[in-house]
Amino acid sequence: MTEDRQTRRLVLRLCVLVVAMFGFGFALVPIYDVMCQAFGINGKTAGAYQGDQVQDAERQVRVQFLATNAADMVWTFGPQADEVTVHPGASTQMIFVAYNPTDKPMTAQAIPSVAPSKAAAYFHKTECFCFTQQVLQPGERIEMPVRFIVDRDLPADVRHLTLAYTLFDITARKPPVAQATP
């Protein structure tokens, strides 16, 4: 086999490898969703609540709240209570408190997750601090509400939900505010 033929063959194999890697990149999103659903991780909450707010007074569901900071986040962050018991269909509110102990303004974003993952489709947030970025000045403390409805169609075997938030420092990602020149 000539050297020219070997080079063409190598280039063809490398091109096939690049196309396969590109295709795998597109396949990662659905693979990730399937893995999260199979292992019950990263439960995303449902969209807007479409039902009426008639509650199921016969049934109670315990909703537990967890709050963690990402590795680079220094704020104090957590719920006012560790859990509440709700009736499906009823609107409920929990207050989360954040405090910036630093000497500089910081911006944060909270990312929610619901467990078990099969219950996430039945958990509807009507108001949440996670919908927007939170900016706190040095030493500032803020109370941030989350209002939610656990859908009455929640499977009967689900009696306990966990709403978890991870708080990320996104100060460096925000574009600097233009200063007015005197």
N, C-alpha and C. Protein backbone atom coordinates (compact mmCIF):
# COMPACT_ATOMS: atom_id res chain seq x y z
N MET A 1 0.85 -1.17 0.00
CA MET A 1 0.00 0.00 0.00
C MET A 1 0.90 1.24 0.00
N THR A 2 0.55 2.19 -0.83
CA THR A 2 1.38 3.38 -0.93
C THR A 2 1.10 4.32 0.23
N GLU A 3 2.05 5.20 0.43
CA GLU A 3 1.92 6.17 1.52
C GLU A 3 0.75 7.12 1.27
N ASP A 4 0.49 7.47 0.02
CA ASP A 4 -0.62 8.36 -0.33
C ASP A 4 -1.96 7.71 0.03
N ARG A 5 -2.09 6.45 -0.24
CA ARG A 5 -3.33 5.72 0.07
C ARG A 5 -3.53 5.62 1.58
N GLN A 6 -2.47 5.40 2.32
CA GLN A 6 -2.55 5.32 3.78
C GLN A 6 -2.99 6.67 4.36
N THR A 7 -2.48 7.75 3.81
CA THR A 7 -2.85 9.08 4.28
C THR A 7 -4.34 9.34 4.04
N ARG A 8 -4.82 8.99 2.85
CA ARG A 8 -6.25 9.18 2.55
C ARG A 8 -7.13 8.36 3.50
N ARG A 9 -6.70 7.15 3.75
CA ARG A 9 -7.46 6.29 4.63
C ARG A 9 -7.51 6.86 6.05
N LEU A 10 -6.39 7.39 6.52
CA LEU A 10 -6.33 8.00 7.84
C LEU A 10 -7.23 9.23 7.90
N VAL A 11 -7.19 10.07 6.89
CA VAL A 11 -8.04 11.27 6.84
C VAL A 11 -9.51 10.88 6.84
N LEU A 12 -9.88 9.87 6.07
CA LEU A 12 -11.26 9.40 6.04
C LEU A 12 -11.71 8.90 7.40
N ARG A 13 -10.86 8.13 8.07
CA ARG A 13 -11.20 7.64 9.41
C ARG A 13 -11.37 8.80 10.40
N LEU A 14 -10.50 9.78 10.33
CA LEU A 14 -10.59 10.93 11.21
C LEU A 14 -11.87 11.74 10.94
N CYS A 15 -12.24 11.87 9.67
CA CYS A 15 -13.48 12.58 9.34
C CYS A 15 -14.70 11.84 9.89
N VAL A 16 -14.70 10.53 9.77
CA VAL A 16 -15.80 9.73 10.32
C VAL A 16 -15.85 9.90 11.84
N LEU A 17 -14.68 9.93 12.48
CA LEU A 17 -14.63 10.12 13.92
C LEU A 17 -15.19 11.49 14.31
N VAL A 18 -14.87 12.53 13.58
CA VAL A 18 -15.37 13.88 13.87
C VAL A 18 -16.89 13.92 13.72
N VAL A 19 -17.42 13.33 12.67
CA VAL A 19 -18.88 13.30 12.47
C VAL A 19 -19.56 12.52 13.59
N ALA A 20 -18.96 11.40 14.00
CA ALA A 20 -19.53 10.60 15.10
C ALA A 20 -19.52 11.39 16.40
N MET A 21 -18.45 12.10 16.68
CA MET A 21 -18.37 12.91 17.90
C MET A 21 -19.40 14.04 17.87
N PHE A 22 -19.59 14.65 16.72
CA PHE A 22 -20.58 15.71 16.56
C PHE A 22 -21.98 15.17 16.84
N GLY A 23 -22.29 14.00 16.29
CA GLY A 23 -23.59 13.37 16.52
C GLY A 23 -23.78 12.99 17.98
N PHE A 24 -22.72 12.50 18.61
CA PHE A 24 -22.80 12.15 20.03
C PHE A 24 -23.09 13.38 20.87
N GLY A 25 -22.52 14.52 20.50
CA GLY A 25 -22.78 15.78 21.22
C GLY A 25 -24.26 16.13 21.20
N PHE A 26 -24.92 15.94 20.06
CA PHE A 26 -26.36 16.19 19.98
C PHE A 26 -27.16 15.17 20.76
N ALA A 27 -26.67 13.96 20.85
CA ALA A 27 -27.39 12.91 21.57
C ALA A 27 -27.26 13.03 23.09
N LEU A 28 -26.33 13.83 23.57
CA LEU A 28 -26.11 13.94 25.01
C LEU A 28 -27.32 14.48 25.76
N VAL A 29 -28.04 15.44 25.20
CA VAL A 29 -29.18 16.02 25.90
C VAL A 29 -30.27 14.98 26.16
N PRO A 30 -30.74 14.25 25.15
CA PRO A 30 -31.75 13.23 25.46
C PRO A 30 -31.20 12.10 26.34
N ILE A 31 -29.94 11.76 26.18
CA ILE A 31 -29.34 10.73 27.04
C ILE A 31 -29.33 11.22 28.48
N TYR A 32 -28.96 12.47 28.70
CA TYR A 32 -28.95 13.06 30.03
C TYR A 32 -30.35 13.02 30.64
N ASP A 33 -31.37 13.42 29.88
CA ASP A 33 -32.74 13.40 30.38
C ASP A 33 -33.18 11.99 30.78
N VAL A 34 -32.84 11.01 29.97
CA VAL A 34 -33.20 9.62 30.26
C VAL A 34 -32.49 9.14 31.52
N MET A 35 -31.20 9.47 31.66
CA MET A 35 -30.44 9.05 32.83
C MET A 35 -31.00 9.71 34.10
N CYS A 36 -31.33 11.00 34.01
CA CYS A 36 -31.89 11.70 35.17
C CYS A 36 -33.21 11.07 35.59
N GLN A 37 -34.03 10.74 34.62
CA GLN A 37 -35.32 10.13 34.94
C GLN A 37 -35.13 8.73 35.51
N ALA A 38 -34.20 7.96 34.95
CA ALA A 38 -33.97 6.59 35.42
C ALA A 38 -33.41 6.55 36.83
N PHE A 39 -32.54 7.50 37.16
CA PHE A 39 -31.89 7.48 38.47
C PHE A 39 -32.50 8.47 39.45
N GLY A 40 -33.53 9.22 39.02
CA GLY A 40 -34.23 10.12 39.93
C GLY A 40 -33.42 11.33 40.35
N ILE A 41 -32.62 11.85 39.45
CA ILE A 41 -31.83 13.04 39.78
C ILE A 41 -32.24 14.22 38.92
N ASN A 42 -31.95 15.40 39.42
CA ASN A 42 -32.21 16.65 38.70
C ASN A 42 -33.66 16.78 38.26
N GLY A 43 -34.58 16.49 39.16
CA GLY A 43 -36.00 16.63 38.83
C GLY A 43 -36.37 18.07 38.57
N LYS A 44 -36.83 18.35 37.38
CA LYS A 44 -37.23 19.71 37.04
C LYS A 44 -38.71 19.87 37.36
N THR A 45 -39.07 21.04 37.84
CA THR A 45 -40.46 21.26 38.21
C THR A 45 -41.32 21.44 36.97
N ALA A 46 -42.62 21.24 37.17
CA ALA A 46 -43.57 21.40 36.08
C ALA A 46 -43.78 22.88 35.77
N GLY A 47 -44.44 23.15 34.69
CA GLY A 47 -44.72 24.53 34.30
C GLY A 47 -45.88 25.11 35.10
N ALA A 48 -46.53 26.08 34.51
CA ALA A 48 -47.64 26.77 35.19
C ALA A 48 -48.75 25.78 35.53
N TYR A 49 -49.41 26.03 36.64
CA TYR A 49 -50.49 25.15 37.10
C TYR A 49 -51.73 25.41 36.26
N GLN A 50 -52.28 24.37 35.66
CA GLN A 50 -53.42 24.50 34.77
C GLN A 50 -54.75 24.17 35.45
N GLY A 51 -54.72 23.48 36.56
CA GLY A 51 -55.95 23.04 37.22
C GLY A 51 -56.55 24.11 38.11
N ASP A 52 -57.71 23.79 38.67
CA ASP A 52 -58.30 24.71 39.64
C ASP A 52 -57.62 24.48 40.98
N GLN A 53 -57.83 25.37 41.93
CA GLN A 53 -57.14 25.26 43.20
C GLN A 53 -58.01 24.61 44.28
N VAL A 54 -58.82 23.67 43.88
CA VAL A 54 -59.61 22.93 44.86
C VAL A 54 -58.67 21.90 45.47
N GLN A 55 -58.55 21.95 46.78
CA GLN A 55 -57.59 21.07 47.42
C GLN A 55 -58.19 19.72 47.80
N ASP A 56 -57.34 18.75 47.88
CA ASP A 56 -57.71 17.40 48.29
C ASP A 56 -57.49 17.33 49.81
N ALA A 57 -58.54 17.61 50.57
CA ALA A 57 -58.43 17.67 52.03
C ALA A 57 -58.21 16.31 52.66
N GLU A 58 -58.44 15.25 51.91
CA GLU A 58 -58.27 13.89 52.42
C GLU A 58 -56.80 13.46 52.44
N ARG A 59 -55.98 14.14 51.67
CA ARG A 59 -54.61 13.69 51.47
C ARG A 59 -53.61 14.74 51.94
N GLN A 60 -52.50 14.27 52.50
CA GLN A 60 -51.42 15.17 52.90
C GLN A 60 -50.12 14.71 52.26
N VAL A 61 -49.32 15.70 51.85
CA VAL A 61 -48.01 15.43 51.27
C VAL A 61 -47.00 16.28 52.04
N ARG A 62 -45.91 15.66 52.41
CA ARG A 62 -44.84 16.37 53.11
C ARG A 62 -43.87 16.92 52.07
N VAL A 63 -43.57 18.22 52.14
CA VAL A 63 -42.62 18.86 51.24
C VAL A 63 -41.44 19.32 52.08
N GLN A 64 -40.29 18.76 51.77
CA GLN A 64 -39.06 19.09 52.48
C GLN A 64 -38.27 20.09 51.64
N PHE A 65 -37.55 21.00 52.30
CA PHE A 65 -36.78 22.04 51.60
C PHE A 65 -35.30 21.89 51.94
N LEU A 66 -34.49 21.92 50.91
CA LEU A 66 -33.04 21.86 51.07
C LEU A 66 -32.42 23.05 50.35
N ALA A 67 -31.36 23.58 50.92
CA ALA A 67 -30.65 24.70 50.30
C ALA A 67 -29.15 24.46 50.45
N THR A 68 -28.45 24.52 49.33
CA THR A 68 -27.00 24.37 49.35
C THR A 68 -26.37 25.47 48.52
N ASN A 69 -25.13 25.75 48.83
CA ASN A 69 -24.37 26.72 48.07
C ASN A 69 -23.40 26.00 47.15
N ALA A 70 -23.22 26.52 45.96
CA ALA A 70 -22.19 26.00 45.07
C ALA A 70 -20.84 26.30 45.72
N ALA A 71 -19.79 25.68 45.22
CA ALA A 71 -18.48 25.74 45.86
C ALA A 71 -17.97 27.17 46.08
N ASP A 72 -18.23 28.07 45.17
CA ASP A 72 -17.69 29.43 45.28
C ASP A 72 -18.67 30.43 45.91
N MET A 73 -19.82 29.98 46.38
CA MET A 73 -20.82 30.88 46.96
C MET A 73 -20.64 30.98 48.47
N VAL A 74 -20.57 32.23 48.97
CA VAL A 74 -20.30 32.45 50.40
C VAL A 74 -21.53 32.93 51.16
N TRP A 75 -22.64 33.12 50.49
CA TRP A 75 -23.84 33.60 51.17
C TRP A 75 -24.34 32.56 52.17
N THR A 76 -25.04 33.06 53.18
CA THR A 76 -25.84 32.19 54.04
C THR A 76 -27.19 32.08 53.34
N PHE A 77 -27.69 30.86 53.18
CA PHE A 77 -28.89 30.65 52.36
C PHE A 77 -29.65 29.45 52.91
N GLY A 78 -30.97 29.64 53.14
CA GLY A 78 -31.75 28.51 53.60
C GLY A 78 -33.22 28.86 53.78
N PRO A 79 -34.06 27.84 53.96
CA PRO A 79 -35.50 28.05 54.17
C PRO A 79 -35.78 28.41 55.62
N GLN A 80 -36.93 29.06 55.85
CA GLN A 80 -37.32 29.38 57.23
C GLN A 80 -37.76 28.13 57.99
N ALA A 81 -38.21 27.11 57.29
CA ALA A 81 -38.60 25.83 57.91
C ALA A 81 -38.05 24.70 57.05
N ASP A 82 -37.77 23.58 57.67
CA ASP A 82 -37.22 22.45 56.93
C ASP A 82 -38.26 21.73 56.07
N GLU A 83 -39.54 21.80 56.50
CA GLU A 83 -40.59 21.12 55.74
C GLU A 83 -41.96 21.67 56.10
N VAL A 84 -42.92 21.39 55.24
CA VAL A 84 -44.32 21.71 55.49
C VAL A 84 -45.15 20.53 55.02
N THR A 85 -46.34 20.41 55.59
CA THR A 85 -47.30 19.41 55.13
C THR A 85 -48.40 20.15 54.39
N VAL A 86 -48.69 19.70 53.17
CA VAL A 86 -49.66 20.40 52.32
C VAL A 86 -50.75 19.43 51.86
N HIS A 87 -51.87 20.02 51.48
CA HIS A 87 -52.93 19.27 50.82
C HIS A 87 -52.77 19.53 49.33
N PRO A 88 -52.71 18.48 48.50
CA PRO A 88 -52.60 18.70 47.06
C PRO A 88 -53.71 19.62 46.56
N GLY A 89 -53.34 20.54 45.69
CA GLY A 89 -54.27 21.52 45.14
C GLY A 89 -54.24 22.85 45.87
N ALA A 90 -53.67 22.89 47.07
CA ALA A 90 -53.61 24.13 47.85
C ALA A 90 -52.34 24.91 47.51
N SER A 91 -52.47 26.21 47.47
CA SER A 91 -51.32 27.08 47.25
C SER A 91 -50.58 27.23 48.58
N THR A 92 -49.26 27.08 48.54
CA THR A 92 -48.43 27.13 49.74
C THR A 92 -47.24 28.04 49.49
N GLN A 93 -46.76 28.66 50.55
CA GLN A 93 -45.59 29.54 50.44
C GLN A 93 -44.53 29.15 51.45
N MET A 94 -43.27 29.24 51.02
CA MET A 94 -42.14 29.08 51.92
C MET A 94 -41.18 30.24 51.64
N ILE A 95 -40.60 30.77 52.70
CA ILE A 95 -39.65 31.87 52.58
C ILE A 95 -38.23 31.32 52.73
N PHE A 96 -37.37 31.69 51.79
CA PHE A 96 -35.96 31.40 51.88
C PHE A 96 -35.24 32.70 52.21
N VAL A 97 -34.21 32.60 53.02
CA VAL A 97 -33.47 33.78 53.46
C VAL A 97 -32.04 33.69 52.93
N ALA A 98 -31.57 34.81 52.38
CA ALA A 98 -30.19 34.88 51.90
C ALA A 98 -29.51 36.09 52.54
N TYR A 99 -28.23 35.93 52.82
CA TYR A 99 -27.45 36.99 53.44
C TYR A 99 -26.08 37.05 52.78
N ASN A 100 -25.67 38.25 52.37
CA ASN A 100 -24.37 38.46 51.76
C ASN A 100 -23.40 38.98 52.82
N PRO A 101 -22.50 38.14 53.33
CA PRO A 101 -21.59 38.57 54.39
C PRO A 101 -20.35 39.29 53.88
N THR A 102 -20.21 39.43 52.57
CA THR A 102 -19.00 40.02 52.02
C THR A 102 -19.06 41.55 52.05
N ASP A 103 -17.97 42.17 51.62
CA ASP A 103 -17.91 43.63 51.55
C ASP A 103 -18.09 44.14 50.13
N LYS A 104 -18.69 43.30 49.27
CA LYS A 104 -18.94 43.72 47.88
C LYS A 104 -20.31 43.22 47.42
N PRO A 105 -20.93 43.93 46.47
CA PRO A 105 -22.20 43.44 45.92
C PRO A 105 -21.98 42.12 45.19
N MET A 106 -22.95 41.25 45.29
CA MET A 106 -22.87 39.95 44.62
C MET A 106 -24.20 39.64 43.95
N THR A 107 -24.12 38.86 42.88
CA THR A 107 -25.31 38.41 42.16
C THR A 107 -25.35 36.89 42.22
N ALA A 108 -26.53 36.35 42.50
CA ALA A 108 -26.69 34.90 42.62
C ALA A 108 -27.87 34.42 41.79
N GLN A 109 -27.85 33.15 41.45
CA GLN A 109 -28.96 32.49 40.76
C GLN A 109 -29.18 31.15 41.43
N ALA A 110 -30.42 30.85 41.78
CA ALA A 110 -30.77 29.58 42.40
C ALA A 110 -31.31 28.62 41.33
N ILE A 111 -30.85 27.39 41.38
CA ILE A 111 -31.29 26.35 40.46
C ILE A 111 -32.07 25.31 41.27
N PRO A 112 -33.36 25.10 40.91
CA PRO A 112 -34.18 24.16 41.68
C PRO A 112 -34.10 22.73 41.17
N SER A 113 -34.49 21.82 42.03
CA SER A 113 -34.61 20.42 41.68
C SER A 113 -35.67 19.80 42.59
N VAL A 114 -36.45 18.87 42.04
CA VAL A 114 -37.48 18.19 42.82
C VAL A 114 -37.22 16.69 42.79
N ALA A 115 -37.35 16.08 43.94
CA ALA A 115 -37.21 14.63 44.04
C ALA A 115 -38.42 14.09 44.79
N PRO A 116 -38.92 12.93 44.48
CA PRO A 116 -38.46 12.05 43.41
C PRO A 116 -38.80 12.63 42.04
N SER A 117 -38.04 12.24 41.04
CA SER A 117 -38.19 12.85 39.72
C SER A 117 -39.58 12.64 39.13
N LYS A 118 -40.25 11.53 39.46
CA LYS A 118 -41.58 11.32 38.90
C LYS A 118 -42.60 12.31 39.47
N ALA A 119 -42.29 12.93 40.60
CA ALA A 119 -43.19 13.91 41.20
C ALA A 119 -42.97 15.31 40.65
N ALA A 120 -41.86 15.54 39.99
CA ALA A 120 -41.53 16.89 39.51
C ALA A 120 -42.60 17.44 38.57
N ALA A 121 -43.21 16.59 37.79
CA ALA A 121 -44.25 17.04 36.85
C ALA A 121 -45.51 17.51 37.57
N TYR A 122 -45.63 17.21 38.86
CA TYR A 122 -46.82 17.57 39.63
C TYR A 122 -46.53 18.69 40.63
N PHE A 123 -45.35 19.27 40.54
CA PHE A 123 -44.96 20.35 41.44
C PHE A 123 -44.91 21.64 40.62
N HIS A 124 -45.80 22.58 40.94
CA HIS A 124 -45.92 23.81 40.15
C HIS A 124 -45.55 25.02 40.99
N LYS A 125 -44.52 25.75 40.56
CA LYS A 125 -44.15 26.98 41.25
C LYS A 125 -44.89 28.14 40.59
N THR A 126 -45.64 28.90 41.38
CA THR A 126 -46.36 30.06 40.84
C THR A 126 -45.57 31.34 41.04
N GLU A 127 -44.66 31.33 42.00
CA GLU A 127 -43.73 32.44 42.21
C GLU A 127 -42.47 31.85 42.81
N CYS A 128 -41.31 32.31 42.32
CA CYS A 128 -40.06 31.76 42.84
C CYS A 128 -38.92 32.73 42.62
N PHE A 129 -38.09 32.85 43.63
CA PHE A 129 -36.89 33.67 43.52
C PHE A 129 -35.92 33.09 42.49
N CYS A 130 -36.10 31.83 42.14
CA CYS A 130 -35.21 31.19 41.16
C CYS A 130 -35.50 31.67 39.74
N PHE A 131 -36.62 32.36 39.53
CA PHE A 131 -36.95 32.86 38.20
C PHE A 131 -36.07 34.05 37.81
N THR A 132 -35.47 34.71 38.80
CA THR A 132 -34.66 35.90 38.53
C THR A 132 -33.34 35.82 39.29
N GLN A 133 -32.40 36.63 38.85
CA GLN A 133 -31.13 36.74 39.55
C GLN A 133 -31.31 37.62 40.78
N GLN A 134 -30.62 37.29 41.84
CA GLN A 134 -30.72 38.04 43.10
C GLN A 134 -29.43 38.82 43.30
N VAL A 135 -29.57 40.12 43.52
CA VAL A 135 -28.41 40.98 43.77
C VAL A 135 -28.50 41.47 45.21
N LEU A 136 -27.44 41.21 45.97
CA LEU A 136 -27.40 41.67 47.36
C LEU A 136 -26.18 42.56 47.55
N GLN A 137 -26.39 43.66 48.24
CA GLN A 137 -25.31 44.57 48.59
C GLN A 137 -24.56 44.00 49.79
N PRO A 138 -23.37 44.53 50.10
CA PRO A 138 -22.61 44.03 51.26
C PRO A 138 -23.45 44.08 52.54
N GLY A 139 -23.49 42.95 53.24
CA GLY A 139 -24.22 42.87 54.50
C GLY A 139 -25.73 42.83 54.36
N GLU A 140 -26.25 42.79 53.15
CA GLU A 140 -27.71 42.79 52.96
C GLU A 140 -28.29 41.40 53.17
N ARG A 141 -29.49 41.38 53.74
CA ARG A 141 -30.26 40.15 53.97
C ARG A 141 -31.58 40.31 53.24
N ILE A 142 -32.06 39.24 52.62
CA ILE A 142 -33.31 39.31 51.87
C ILE A 142 -34.14 38.06 52.15
N GLU A 143 -35.46 38.25 52.18
CA GLU A 143 -36.39 37.13 52.27
C GLU A 143 -36.98 36.92 50.89
N MET A 144 -36.90 35.68 50.42
CA MET A 144 -37.32 35.36 49.05
C MET A 144 -38.41 34.29 49.10
N PRO A 145 -39.61 34.61 48.63
CA PRO A 145 -40.68 33.61 48.68
C PRO A 145 -40.67 32.64 47.50
N VAL A 146 -41.14 31.46 47.78
CA VAL A 146 -41.48 30.51 46.73
C VAL A 146 -42.90 30.07 47.02
N ARG A 147 -43.78 30.25 46.03
CA ARG A 147 -45.18 29.81 46.16
C ARG A 147 -45.37 28.65 45.19
N PHE A 148 -46.04 27.63 45.69
CA PHE A 148 -46.16 26.42 44.87
C PHE A 148 -47.49 25.72 45.14
N ILE A 149 -47.83 24.84 44.20
CA ILE A 149 -49.01 23.98 44.32
C ILE A 149 -48.57 22.57 43.97
N VAL A 150 -48.86 21.64 44.84
CA VAL A 150 -48.66 20.23 44.54
C VAL A 150 -49.95 19.77 43.87
N ASP A 151 -49.84 19.31 42.66
CA ASP A 151 -51.00 18.92 41.86
C ASP A 151 -51.77 17.78 42.52
N ARG A 152 -53.11 17.86 42.43
CA ARG A 152 -53.96 16.79 42.99
C ARG A 152 -53.76 15.47 42.27
N ASP A 153 -53.21 15.51 41.06
CA ASP A 153 -52.98 14.28 40.30
C ASP A 153 -51.66 13.60 40.65
N LEU A 154 -50.96 14.09 41.67
CA LEU A 154 -49.73 13.46 42.13
C LEU A 154 -50.01 11.99 42.41
N PRO A 155 -49.18 11.07 41.91
CA PRO A 155 -49.42 9.65 42.16
C PRO A 155 -49.59 9.36 43.66
N ALA A 156 -50.50 8.48 43.97
CA ALA A 156 -50.86 8.19 45.36
C ALA A 156 -49.69 7.64 46.18
N ASP A 157 -48.74 6.98 45.53
CA ASP A 157 -47.61 6.42 46.27
C ASP A 157 -46.57 7.47 46.67
N VAL A 158 -46.71 8.70 46.16
CA VAL A 158 -45.77 9.78 46.53
C VAL A 158 -46.36 10.54 47.70
N ARG A 159 -45.71 10.43 48.84
CA ARG A 159 -46.19 11.10 50.05
C ARG A 159 -45.19 12.13 50.56
N HIS A 160 -44.04 12.17 49.90
CA HIS A 160 -42.96 13.06 50.34
C HIS A 160 -42.23 13.60 49.12
N LEU A 161 -42.09 14.92 49.06
CA LEU A 161 -41.35 15.59 47.99
C LEU A 161 -40.20 16.36 48.62
N THR A 162 -39.14 16.54 47.87
CA THR A 162 -38.04 17.39 48.31
C THR A 162 -37.81 18.45 47.24
N LEU A 163 -37.87 19.71 47.65
CA LEU A 163 -37.54 20.84 46.78
C LEU A 163 -36.17 21.33 47.22
N ALA A 164 -35.20 21.17 46.34
CA ALA A 164 -33.82 21.56 46.67
C ALA A 164 -33.38 22.69 45.76
N TYR A 165 -32.64 23.62 46.34
CA TYR A 165 -32.06 24.72 45.58
C TYR A 165 -30.55 24.72 45.78
N THR A 166 -29.84 24.97 44.70
CA THR A 166 -28.40 25.22 44.78
C THR A 166 -28.19 26.66 44.34
N LEU A 167 -27.48 27.42 45.16
CA LEU A 167 -27.26 28.84 44.90
C LEU A 167 -25.86 29.03 44.30
N PHE A 168 -25.82 29.68 43.14
CA PHE A 168 -24.57 29.90 42.42
C PHE A 168 -24.21 31.38 42.41
N ASP A 169 -22.93 31.68 42.57
CA ASP A 169 -22.42 33.04 42.44
C ASP A 169 -22.20 33.32 40.96
N ILE A 170 -22.97 34.25 40.41
CA ILE A 170 -22.82 34.59 38.99
C ILE A 170 -22.36 36.04 38.82
N THR A 171 -21.76 36.61 39.87
CA THR A 171 -21.31 37.99 39.83
C THR A 171 -20.38 38.24 38.64
N ALA A 172 -19.43 37.35 38.42
CA ALA A 172 -18.45 37.53 37.34
C ALA A 172 -19.08 37.41 35.96
N ARG A 173 -20.21 36.75 35.85
CA ARG A 173 -20.87 36.56 34.55
C ARG A 173 -21.69 37.76 34.12
N LYS A 174 -22.06 38.60 35.08
CA LYS A 174 -22.87 39.77 34.75
C LYS A 174 -21.99 40.83 34.10
N PRO A 175 -22.47 41.47 33.03
CA PRO A 175 -21.67 42.54 32.44
C PRO A 175 -21.56 43.70 33.41
N PRO A 176 -20.38 44.36 33.46
CA PRO A 176 -20.22 45.48 34.38
C PRO A 176 -21.15 46.62 34.02
N VAL A 177 -21.65 47.31 35.06
CA VAL A 177 -22.53 48.44 34.84
C VAL A 177 -21.68 49.64 34.43
N ALA A 178 -22.11 50.31 33.36
CA ALA A 178 -21.35 51.45 32.86
C ALA A 178 -21.42 52.59 33.87
N GLN A 179 -20.28 53.17 34.18
CA GLN A 179 -20.20 54.27 35.14
C GLN A 179 -20.31 55.58 34.35
N ALA A 180 -21.07 56.50 34.89
CA ALA A 180 -21.20 57.82 34.25
C ALA A 180 -19.95 58.62 34.52
N THR A 181 -19.42 59.27 33.49
CA THR A 181 -18.22 60.08 33.66
C THR A 181 -18.64 61.50 34.02
N PRO A 182 -17.94 62.13 34.99
CA PRO A 182 -18.33 63.48 35.41
C PRO A 182 -17.96 64.53 34.41
